[in-house]
Amino acid sequence: MAKLRLNKILAQAGLTSRRGGDRLIVDGHVAVNGVVTRSPATLADPELDAITVDGRARPAISLLAVLRQVRAALDPDFAATRVRVSVASLLVPG
């Protein structure tokens, strides 16, 4: 996978927003391969690099983020209107 900015990786994992990720990075809470970085411009490969926040490994991607992507793909109006959706409404009955 291509290298991405750390704030985007943290946001995709559902840990914070991209701006919140910048704050975590600048405050020294994020490490890549065991080395703390304070530069928001740091790039990392989410599949190859070990990224930790306060010593804890980041989740690969949040379930909520996956569900939002699936719902947006299935319903073009969802992305346009940004309506809140319950998980139950995404499940197929039967």
PDB file of N, CA and C in Angstrom:
ATOM      1  N   MET A   1       0.846  -1.184   0.000  1.00  0.00           N
ATOM      2  CA  MET A   1       0.000   0.000   0.000  1.00  0.00           C
ATOM      3  C   MET A   1       0.890   1.247   0.000  1.00  0.00           C
ATOM      4  N   ALA A   2       0.362   2.305  -0.518  1.00  0.00           N
ATOM      5  CA  ALA A   2       1.113   3.552  -0.575  1.00  0.00           C
ATOM      6  C   ALA A   2       1.225   4.178   0.809  1.00  0.00           C
ATOM      7  N   LYS A   3       2.216   5.001   0.972  1.00  0.00           N
ATOM      8  CA  LYS A   3       2.388   5.702   2.243  1.00  0.00           C
ATOM      9  C   LYS A   3       1.350   6.814   2.346  1.00  0.00           C
ATOM     10  N   LEU A   4       0.815   6.963   3.563  1.00  0.00           N
ATOM     11  CA  LEU A   4      -0.197   7.974   3.845  1.00  0.00           C
ATOM     12  C   LEU A   4       0.267   8.832   5.010  1.00  0.00           C
ATOM     13  N   ARG A   5      -0.313  10.019   5.121  1.00  0.00           N
ATOM     14  CA  ARG A   5      -0.015  10.864   6.278  1.00  0.00           C
ATOM     15  C   ARG A   5      -0.566  10.189   7.521  1.00  0.00           C
ATOM     16  N   LEU A   6       0.145  10.346   8.626  1.00  0.00           N
ATOM     17  CA  LEU A   6      -0.253   9.703   9.876  1.00  0.00           C
ATOM     18  C   LEU A   6      -1.653  10.113  10.321  1.00  0.00           C
ATOM     19  N   ASN A   7      -2.008  11.383  10.151  1.00  0.00           N
ATOM     20  CA  ASN A   7      -3.330  11.818  10.608  1.00  0.00           C
ATOM     21  C   ASN A   7      -4.441  11.085   9.860  1.00  0.00           C
ATOM     22  N   LYS A   8      -4.218  10.797   8.590  1.00  0.00           N
ATOM     23  CA  LYS A   8      -5.215  10.075   7.799  1.00  0.00           C
ATOM     24  C   LYS A   8      -5.320   8.625   8.278  1.00  0.00           C
ATOM     25  N   ILE A   9      -4.195   8.004   8.595  1.00  0.00           N
ATOM     26  CA  ILE A   9      -4.195   6.628   9.084  1.00  0.00           C
ATOM     27  C   ILE A   9      -4.959   6.549  10.404  1.00  0.00           C
ATOM     28  N   LEU A  10      -4.715   7.504  11.301  1.00  0.00           N
ATOM     29  CA  LEU A  10      -5.402   7.515  12.597  1.00  0.00           C
ATOM     30  C   LEU A  10      -6.901   7.748  12.418  1.00  0.00           C
ATOM     31  N   ALA A  11      -7.271   8.627  11.487  1.00  0.00           N
ATOM     32  CA  ALA A  11      -8.687   8.897  11.233  1.00  0.00           C
ATOM     33  C   ALA A  11      -9.372   7.676  10.630  1.00  0.00           C
ATOM     34  N   GLN A  12      -8.713   6.992   9.709  1.00  0.00           N
ATOM     35  CA  GLN A  12      -9.295   5.795   9.100  1.00  0.00           C
ATOM     36  C   GLN A  12      -9.482   4.680  10.119  1.00  0.00           C
ATOM     37  N   ALA A  13      -8.640   4.664  11.131  1.00  0.00           N
ATOM     38  CA  ALA A  13      -8.757   3.655  12.184  1.00  0.00           C
ATOM     39  C   ALA A  13      -9.858   4.021  13.182  1.00  0.00           C
ATOM     40  N   GLY A  14     -10.425   5.213  13.042  1.00  0.00           N
ATOM     41  CA  GLY A  14     -11.507   5.627  13.924  1.00  0.00           C
ATOM     42  C   GLY A  14     -11.036   6.144  15.269  1.00  0.00           C
ATOM     43  N   LEU A  15      -9.768   6.481  15.380  1.00  0.00           N
ATOM     44  CA  LEU A  15      -9.231   6.959  16.654  1.00  0.00           C
ATOM     45  C   LEU A  15      -9.524   8.432  16.897  1.00  0.00           C
ATOM     46  N   THR A  16      -9.583   9.209  15.839  1.00  0.00           N
ATOM     47  CA  THR A  16      -9.747  10.649  15.971  1.00  0.00           C
ATOM     48  C   THR A  16     -10.046  11.234  14.594  1.00  0.00           C
ATOM     49  N   SER A  17     -10.302  12.533  14.553  1.00  0.00           N
ATOM     50  CA  SER A  17     -10.427  13.215  13.263  1.00  0.00           C
ATOM     51  C   SER A  17      -9.021  13.487  12.726  1.00  0.00           C
ATOM     52  N   ARG A  18      -8.929  13.963  11.498  1.00  0.00           N
ATOM     53  CA  ARG A  18      -7.604  14.261  10.947  1.00  0.00           C
ATOM     54  C   ARG A  18      -6.930  15.387  11.727  1.00  0.00           C
ATOM     55  N   ARG A  19      -7.677  16.408  12.097  1.00  0.00           N
ATOM     56  CA  ARG A  19      -7.094  17.506  12.892  1.00  0.00           C
ATOM     57  C   ARG A  19      -6.726  17.012  14.289  1.00  0.00           C
ATOM     58  N   GLY A  20      -7.544  16.138  14.836  1.00  0.00           N
ATOM     59  CA  GLY A  20      -7.217  15.546  16.134  1.00  0.00           C
ATOM     60  C   GLY A  20      -5.957  14.702  16.046  1.00  0.00           C
ATOM     61  N   GLY A  21      -5.784  14.026  14.907  1.00  0.00           N
ATOM     62  CA  GLY A  21      -4.571  13.248  14.683  1.00  0.00           C
ATOM     63  C   GLY A  21      -3.345  14.141  14.654  1.00  0.00           C
ATOM     64  N   ASP A  22      -3.478  15.305  14.019  1.00  0.00           N
ATOM     65  CA  ASP A  22      -2.362  16.264  14.008  1.00  0.00           C
ATOM     66  C   ASP A  22      -1.964  16.660  15.430  1.00  0.00           C
ATOM     67  N   ARG A  23      -2.970  16.894  16.287  1.00  0.00           N
ATOM     68  CA  ARG A  23      -2.673  17.273  17.674  1.00  0.00           C
ATOM     69  C   ARG A  23      -1.969  16.140  18.418  1.00  0.00           C
ATOM     70  N   LEU A  24      -2.442  14.902  18.221  1.00  0.00           N
ATOM     71  CA  LEU A  24      -1.798  13.751  18.865  1.00  0.00           C
ATOM     72  C   LEU A  24      -0.339  13.629  18.431  1.00  0.00           C
ATOM     73  N   ILE A  25      -0.095  13.842  17.145  1.00  0.00           N
ATOM     74  CA  ILE A  25       1.261  13.724  16.598  1.00  0.00           C
ATOM     75  C   ILE A  25       2.164  14.812  17.174  1.00  0.00           C
ATOM     76  N   VAL A  26       1.717  16.056  17.123  1.00  0.00           N
ATOM     77  CA  VAL A  26       2.523  17.178  17.613  1.00  0.00           C
ATOM     78  C   VAL A  26       2.799  17.053  19.105  1.00  0.00           C
ATOM     79  N   ASP A  27       1.827  16.520  19.861  1.00  0.00           N
ATOM     80  CA  ASP A  27       1.997  16.358  21.306  1.00  0.00           C
ATOM     81  C   ASP A  27       2.850  15.151  21.677  1.00  0.00           C
ATOM     82  N   GLY A  28       3.292  14.375  20.681  1.00  0.00           N
ATOM     83  CA  GLY A  28       4.203  13.263  20.935  1.00  0.00           C
ATOM     84  C   GLY A  28       3.554  11.968  21.381  1.00  0.00           C
ATOM     85  N   HIS A  29       2.290  11.772  21.049  1.00  0.00           N
ATOM     86  CA  HIS A  29       1.585  10.557  21.449  1.00  0.00           C
ATOM     87  C   HIS A  29       1.712   9.426  20.425  1.00  0.00           C
ATOM     88  N   VAL A  30       2.213   9.729  19.230  1.00  0.00           N
ATOM     89  CA  VAL A  30       2.235   8.746  18.146  1.00  0.00           C
ATOM     90  C   VAL A  30       3.669   8.320  17.841  1.00  0.00           C
ATOM     91  N   ALA A  31       3.853   6.999  17.684  1.00  0.00           N
ATOM     92  CA  ALA A  31       5.162   6.454  17.318  1.00  0.00           C
ATOM     93  C   ALA A  31       5.011   5.582  16.077  1.00  0.00           C
ATOM     94  N   VAL A  32       6.008   5.642  15.215  1.00  0.00           N
ATOM     95  CA  VAL A  32       6.058   4.791  14.027  1.00  0.00           C
ATOM     96  C   VAL A  32       7.286   3.907  14.159  1.00  0.00           C
ATOM     97  N   ASN A  33       7.061   2.602  14.164  1.00  0.00           N
ATOM     98  CA  ASN A  33       8.134   1.616  14.344  1.00  0.00           C
ATOM     99  C   ASN A  33       8.961   1.904  15.602  1.00  0.00           C
ATOM    100  N   GLY A  34       8.270   2.316  16.675  1.00  0.00           N
ATOM    101  CA  GLY A  34       8.918   2.542  17.957  1.00  0.00           C
ATOM    102  C   GLY A  34       9.557   3.896  18.135  1.00  0.00           C
ATOM    103  N   VAL A  35       9.518   4.738  17.124  1.00  0.00           N
ATOM    104  CA  VAL A  35      10.137   6.066  17.194  1.00  0.00           C
ATOM    105  C   VAL A  35       9.036   7.127  17.236  1.00  0.00           C
ATOM    106  N   VAL A  36       9.016   7.913  18.313  1.00  0.00           N
ATOM    107  CA  VAL A  36       8.010   8.971  18.452  1.00  0.00           C
ATOM    108  C   VAL A  36       8.273  10.043  17.409  1.00  0.00           C
ATOM    109  N   THR A  37       7.215  10.459  16.736  1.00  0.00           N
ATOM    110  CA  THR A  37       7.338  11.519  15.738  1.00  0.00           C
ATOM    111  C   THR A  37       6.462  12.691  16.166  1.00  0.00           C
ATOM    112  N   ARG A  38       6.936  13.895  15.907  1.00  0.00           N
ATOM    113  CA  ARG A  38       6.172  15.107  16.231  1.00  0.00           C
ATOM    114  C   ARG A  38       5.875  15.925  14.975  1.00  0.00           C
ATOM    115  N   SER A  39       6.135  15.346  13.823  1.00  0.00           N
ATOM    116  CA  SER A  39       5.891  16.050  12.566  1.00  0.00           C
ATOM    117  C   SER A  39       4.606  15.546  11.911  1.00  0.00           C
ATOM    118  N   PRO A  40       3.623  16.426  11.731  1.00  0.00           N
ATOM    119  CA  PRO A  40       2.382  16.012  11.074  1.00  0.00           C
ATOM    120  C   PRO A  40       2.596  15.590   9.616  1.00  0.00           C
ATOM    121  N   ALA A  41       3.713  15.931   9.040  1.00  0.00           N
ATOM    122  CA  ALA A  41       3.987  15.575   7.644  1.00  0.00           C
ATOM    123  C   ALA A  41       4.557  14.160   7.504  1.00  0.00           C
ATOM    124  N   THR A  42       4.715  13.446   8.607  1.00  0.00           N
ATOM    125  CA  THR A  42       5.278  12.102   8.566  1.00  0.00           C
ATOM    126  C   THR A  42       4.384  11.174   7.762  1.00  0.00           C
ATOM    127  N   LEU A  43       4.996  10.397   6.881  1.00  0.00           N
ATOM    128  CA  LEU A  43       4.276   9.409   6.084  1.00  0.00           C
ATOM    129  C   LEU A  43       4.571   8.019   6.613  1.00  0.00           C
ATOM    130  N   ALA A  44       3.579   7.129   6.493  1.00  0.00           N
ATOM    131  CA  ALA A  44       3.760   5.751   6.943  1.00  0.00           C
ATOM    132  C   ALA A  44       2.901   4.845   6.081  1.00  0.00           C
ATOM    133  N   ASP A  45       3.296   3.592   6.002  1.00  0.00           N
ATOM    134  CA  ASP A  45       2.507   2.584   5.300  1.00  0.00           C
ATOM    135  C   ASP A  45       1.711   1.831   6.359  1.00  0.00           C
ATOM    136  N   PRO A  46       0.376   1.944   6.347  1.00  0.00           N
ATOM    137  CA  PRO A  46      -0.417   1.324   7.407  1.00  0.00           C
ATOM    138  C   PRO A  46      -0.311  -0.195   7.451  1.00  0.00           C
ATOM    139  N   GLU A  47       0.108  -0.818   6.367  1.00  0.00           N
ATOM    140  CA  GLU A  47       0.230  -2.275   6.334  1.00  0.00           C
ATOM    141  C   GLU A  47       1.606  -2.752   6.794  1.00  0.00           C
ATOM    142  N   LEU A  48       2.626  -1.928   6.620  1.00  0.00           N
ATOM    143  CA  LEU A  48       3.988  -2.350   6.931  1.00  0.00           C
ATOM    144  C   LEU A  48       4.537  -1.763   8.226  1.00  0.00           C
ATOM    145  N   ASP A  49       4.163  -0.534   8.541  1.00  0.00           N
ATOM    146  CA  ASP A  49       4.723   0.154   9.701  1.00  0.00           C
ATOM    147  C   ASP A  49       3.898  -0.113  10.960  1.00  0.00           C
ATOM    148  N   ALA A  50       4.594  -0.260  12.087  1.00  0.00           N
ATOM    149  CA  ALA A  50       3.929  -0.423  13.378  1.00  0.00           C
ATOM    150  C   ALA A  50       3.631   0.968  13.931  1.00  0.00           C
ATOM    151  N   ILE A  51       2.363   1.326  13.982  1.00  0.00           N
ATOM    152  CA  ILE A  51       1.949   2.644  14.442  1.00  0.00           C
ATOM    153  C   ILE A  51       1.259   2.480  15.785  1.00  0.00           C
ATOM    154  N   THR A  52       1.741   3.206  16.790  1.00  0.00           N
ATOM    155  CA  THR A  52       1.151   3.130  18.126  1.00  0.00           C
ATOM    156  C   THR A  52       0.755   4.518  18.605  1.00  0.00           C
ATOM    157  N   VAL A  53      -0.283   4.551  19.427  1.00  0.00           N
ATOM    158  CA  VAL A  53      -0.735   5.786  20.069  1.00  0.00           C
ATOM    159  C   VAL A  53      -0.675   5.536  21.563  1.00  0.00           C
ATOM    160  N   ASP A  54       0.154   6.296  22.249  1.00  0.00           N
ATOM    161  CA  ASP A  54       0.381   6.114  23.685  1.00  0.00           C
ATOM    162  C   ASP A  54       0.742   4.669  24.017  1.00  0.00           C
ATOM    163  N   GLY A  55       1.544   4.056  23.158  1.00  0.00           N
ATOM    164  CA  GLY A  55       2.028   2.700  23.396  1.00  0.00           C
ATOM    165  C   GLY A  55       1.091   1.591  22.976  1.00  0.00           C
ATOM    166  N   ARG A  56      -0.112   1.926  22.542  1.00  0.00           N
ATOM    167  CA  ARG A  56      -1.087   0.912  22.119  1.00  0.00           C
ATOM    168  C   ARG A  56      -1.182   0.887  20.604  1.00  0.00           C
ATOM    169  N   ALA A  57      -1.235  -0.322  20.042  1.00  0.00           N
ATOM    170  CA  ALA A  57      -1.341  -0.470  18.590  1.00  0.00           C
ATOM    171  C   ALA A  57      -2.678   0.073  18.117  1.00  0.00           C
ATOM    172  N   ARG A  58      -2.664   0.696  16.962  1.00  0.00           N
ATOM    173  CA  ARG A  58      -3.896   1.237  16.396  1.00  0.00           C
ATOM    174  C   ARG A  58      -4.705   0.108  15.762  1.00  0.00           C
ATOM    175  N   PRO A  59      -6.035   0.204  15.777  1.00  0.00           N
ATOM    176  CA  PRO A  59      -6.829  -0.786  15.049  1.00  0.00           C
ATOM    177  C   PRO A  59      -6.655  -0.582  13.551  1.00  0.00           C
ATOM    178  N   ALA A  60      -6.822  -1.638  12.782  1.00  0.00           N
ATOM    179  CA  ALA A  60      -6.627  -1.543  11.331  1.00  0.00           C
ATOM    180  C   ALA A  60      -7.586  -0.535  10.717  1.00  0.00           C
ATOM    181  N   ILE A  61      -8.860  -0.681  10.980  1.00  0.00           N
ATOM    182  CA  ILE A  61      -9.878   0.273  10.530  1.00  0.00           C
ATOM    183  C   ILE A  61     -11.108   0.013  11.392  1.00  0.00           C
ATOM    184  N   SER A  62     -11.847   1.024  11.707  1.00  0.00           N
ATOM    185  CA  SER A  62     -12.993   0.828  12.588  1.00  0.00           C
ATOM    186  C   SER A  62     -14.165   0.228  11.828  1.00  0.00           C
ATOM    187  N   LEU A  63     -14.962  -0.547  12.521  1.00  0.00           N
ATOM    188  CA  LEU A  63     -16.149  -1.146  11.927  1.00  0.00           C
ATOM    189  C   LEU A  63     -17.098  -0.061  11.449  1.00  0.00           C
ATOM    190  N   LEU A  64     -17.221   1.001  12.217  1.00  0.00           N
ATOM    191  CA  LEU A  64     -18.101   2.092  11.829  1.00  0.00           C
ATOM    192  C   LEU A  64     -17.656   2.713  10.508  1.00  0.00           C
ATOM    193  N   ALA A  65     -16.359   2.892  10.318  1.00  0.00           N
ATOM    194  CA  ALA A  65     -15.853   3.452   9.065  1.00  0.00           C
ATOM    195  C   ALA A  65     -16.180   2.530   7.896  1.00  0.00           C
ATOM    196  N   VAL A  66     -16.052   1.229   8.098  1.00  0.00           N
ATOM    197  CA  VAL A  66     -16.379   0.263   7.040  1.00  0.00           C
ATOM    198  C   VAL A  66     -17.863   0.340   6.701  1.00  0.00           C
ATOM    199  N   LEU A  67     -18.709   0.378   7.737  1.00  0.00           N
ATOM    200  CA  LEU A  67     -20.153   0.448   7.498  1.00  0.00           C
ATOM    201  C   LEU A  67     -20.544   1.724   6.764  1.00  0.00           C
ATOM    202  N   ARG A  68     -19.902   2.831   7.097  1.00  0.00           N
ATOM    203  CA  ARG A  68     -20.196   4.083   6.389  1.00  0.00           C
ATOM    204  C   ARG A  68     -19.820   3.977   4.916  1.00  0.00           C
ATOM    205  N   GLN A  69     -18.676   3.353   4.639  1.00  0.00           N
ATOM    206  CA  GLN A  69     -18.239   3.208   3.254  1.00  0.00           C
ATOM    207  C   GLN A  69     -19.182   2.306   2.475  1.00  0.00           C
ATOM    208  N   VAL A  70     -19.628   1.225   3.118  1.00  0.00           N
ATOM    209  CA  VAL A  70     -20.560   0.309   2.455  1.00  0.00           C
ATOM    210  C   VAL A  70     -21.872   1.013   2.179  1.00  0.00           C
ATOM    211  N   ARG A  71     -22.389   1.714   3.179  1.00  0.00           N
ATOM    212  CA  ARG A  71     -23.660   2.410   3.008  1.00  0.00           C
ATOM    213  C   ARG A  71     -23.552   3.476   1.913  1.00  0.00           C
ATOM    214  N   ALA A  72     -22.464   4.220   1.879  1.00  0.00           N
ATOM    215  CA  ALA A  72     -22.286   5.246   0.853  1.00  0.00           C
ATOM    216  C   ALA A  72     -22.209   4.627  -0.535  1.00  0.00           C
ATOM    217  N   ALA A  73     -21.601   3.453  -0.640  1.00  0.00           N
ATOM    218  CA  ALA A  73     -21.506   2.775  -1.933  1.00  0.00           C
ATOM    219  C   ALA A  73     -22.870   2.269  -2.389  1.00  0.00           C
ATOM    220  N   LEU A  74     -23.696   1.813  -1.450  1.00  0.00           N
ATOM    221  CA  LEU A  74     -25.010   1.269  -1.793  1.00  0.00           C
ATOM    222  C   LEU A  74     -26.057   2.349  -2.022  1.00  0.00           C
ATOM    223  N   ASP A  75     -25.910   3.470  -1.355  1.00  0.00           N
ATOM    224  CA  ASP A  75     -26.912   4.528  -1.413  1.00  0.00           C
ATOM    225  C   ASP A  75     -26.232   5.869  -1.695  1.00  0.00           C
ATOM    226  N   PRO A  76     -26.216   6.294  -2.958  1.00  0.00           N
ATOM    227  CA  PRO A  76     -25.530   7.557  -3.301  1.00  0.00           C
ATOM    228  C   PRO A  76     -26.069   8.768  -2.545  1.00  0.00           C
ATOM    229  N   ASP A  77     -27.347   8.755  -2.170  1.00  0.00           N
ATOM    230  CA  ASP A  77     -27.921   9.881  -1.435  1.00  0.00           C
ATOM    231  C   ASP A  77     -27.357   9.974  -0.024  1.00  0.00           C
ATOM    232  N   PHE A  78     -26.895   8.848   0.521  1.00  0.00           N
ATOM    233  CA  PHE A  78     -26.340   8.844   1.876  1.00  0.00           C
ATOM    234  C   PHE A  78     -25.131   9.765   1.962  1.00  0.00           C
ATOM    235  N   ALA A  79     -24.211   9.651   1.006  1.00  0.00           N
ATOM    236  CA  ALA A  79     -23.010  10.479   1.018  1.00  0.00           C
ATOM    237  C   ALA A  79     -23.360  11.953   0.839  1.00  0.00           C
ATOM    238  N   ALA A  80     -24.378  12.232   0.044  1.00  0.00           N
ATOM    239  CA  ALA A  80     -24.742  13.621  -0.231  1.00  0.00           C
ATOM    240  C   ALA A  80     -25.439  14.272   0.957  1.00  0.00           C
ATOM    241  N   THR A  81     -26.262  13.521   1.663  1.00  0.00           N
ATOM    242  CA  THR A  81     -27.041  14.116   2.741  1.00  0.00           C
ATOM    243  C   THR A  81     -26.396  13.951   4.110  1.00  0.00           C
ATOM    244  N   ARG A  82     -25.456  13.031   4.237  1.00  0.00           N
ATOM    245  CA  ARG A  82     -24.762  12.758   5.490  1.00  0.00           C
ATOM    246  C   ARG A  82     -25.753  12.463   6.619  1.00  0.00           C
ATOM    247  N   VAL A  83     -26.686  11.599   6.339  1.00  0.00           N
ATOM    248  CA  VAL A  83     -27.702  11.200   7.312  1.00  0.00           C
ATOM    249  C   VAL A  83     -27.102  10.171   8.258  1.00  0.00           C
ATOM    250  N   ARG A  84     -27.456  10.260   9.535  1.00  0.00           N
ATOM    251  CA  ARG A  84     -27.010   9.246  10.488  1.00  0.00           C
ATOM    252  C   ARG A  84     -27.797   7.972  10.240  1.00  0.00           C
ATOM    253  N   VAL A  85     -27.087   6.848  10.288  1.00  0.00           N
ATOM    254  CA  VAL A  85     -27.692   5.564   9.980  1.00  0.00           C
ATOM    255  C   VAL A  85     -27.428   4.601  11.125  1.00  0.00           C
ATOM    256  N   SER A  86     -28.420   3.795  11.458  1.00  0.00           N
ATOM    257  CA  SER A  86     -28.195   2.766  12.469  1.00  0.00           C
ATOM    258  C   SER A  86     -27.644   1.523  11.788  1.00  0.00           C
ATOM    259  N   VAL A  87     -26.899   0.723  12.527  1.00  0.00           N
ATOM    260  CA  VAL A  87     -26.333  -0.507  11.987  1.00  0.00           C
ATOM    261  C   VAL A  87     -27.448  -1.434  11.553  1.00  0.00           C
ATOM    262  N   ALA A  88     -28.535  -1.480  12.288  1.00  0.00           N
ATOM    263  CA  ALA A  88     -29.647  -2.358  11.974  1.00  0.00           C
ATOM    264  C   ALA A  88     -30.210  -2.073  10.579  1.00  0.00           C
ATOM    265  N   SER A  89     -30.214  -0.823  10.160  1.00  0.00           N
ATOM    266  CA  SER A  89     -30.753  -0.494   8.846  1.00  0.00           C
ATOM    267  C   SER A  89     -29.865  -0.988   7.711  1.00  0.00           C
ATOM    268  N   LEU A  90     -28.616  -1.328   8.011  1.00  0.00           N
ATOM    269  CA  LEU A  90     -27.718  -1.836   6.986  1.00  0.00           C
ATOM    270  C   LEU A  90     -27.825  -3.349   6.796  1.00  0.00           C
ATOM    271  N   LEU A  91     -28.418  -4.021   7.761  1.00  0.00           N
ATOM    272  CA  LEU A  91     -28.518  -5.472   7.693  1.00  0.00           C
ATOM    273  C   LEU A  91     -29.648  -5.895   6.784  1.00  0.00           C
ATOM    274  N   VAL A  92     -29.415  -6.963   6.034  1.00  0.00           N
ATOM    275  CA  VAL A  92     -30.428  -7.498   5.129  1.00  0.00           C
ATOM    276  C   VAL A  92     -31.299  -8.467   5.924  1.00  0.00           C
ATOM    277  N   PRO A  93     -32.621  -8.277   5.898  1.00  0.00           N
ATOM    278  CA  PRO A  93     -33.491  -9.196   6.650  1.00  0.00           C
ATOM    279  C   PRO A  93     -33.465 -10.593   6.027  1.00  0.00           C
ATOM    280  N   GLY A  94     -33.661 -11.592   6.881  1.00  0.00           N
ATOM    281  CA  GLY A  94     -33.793 -12.960   6.383  1.00  0.00           C
ATOM    282  C   GLY A  94     -32.658 -13.760   6.741  1.00  0.00           C
TER     283      GLY A  94
END
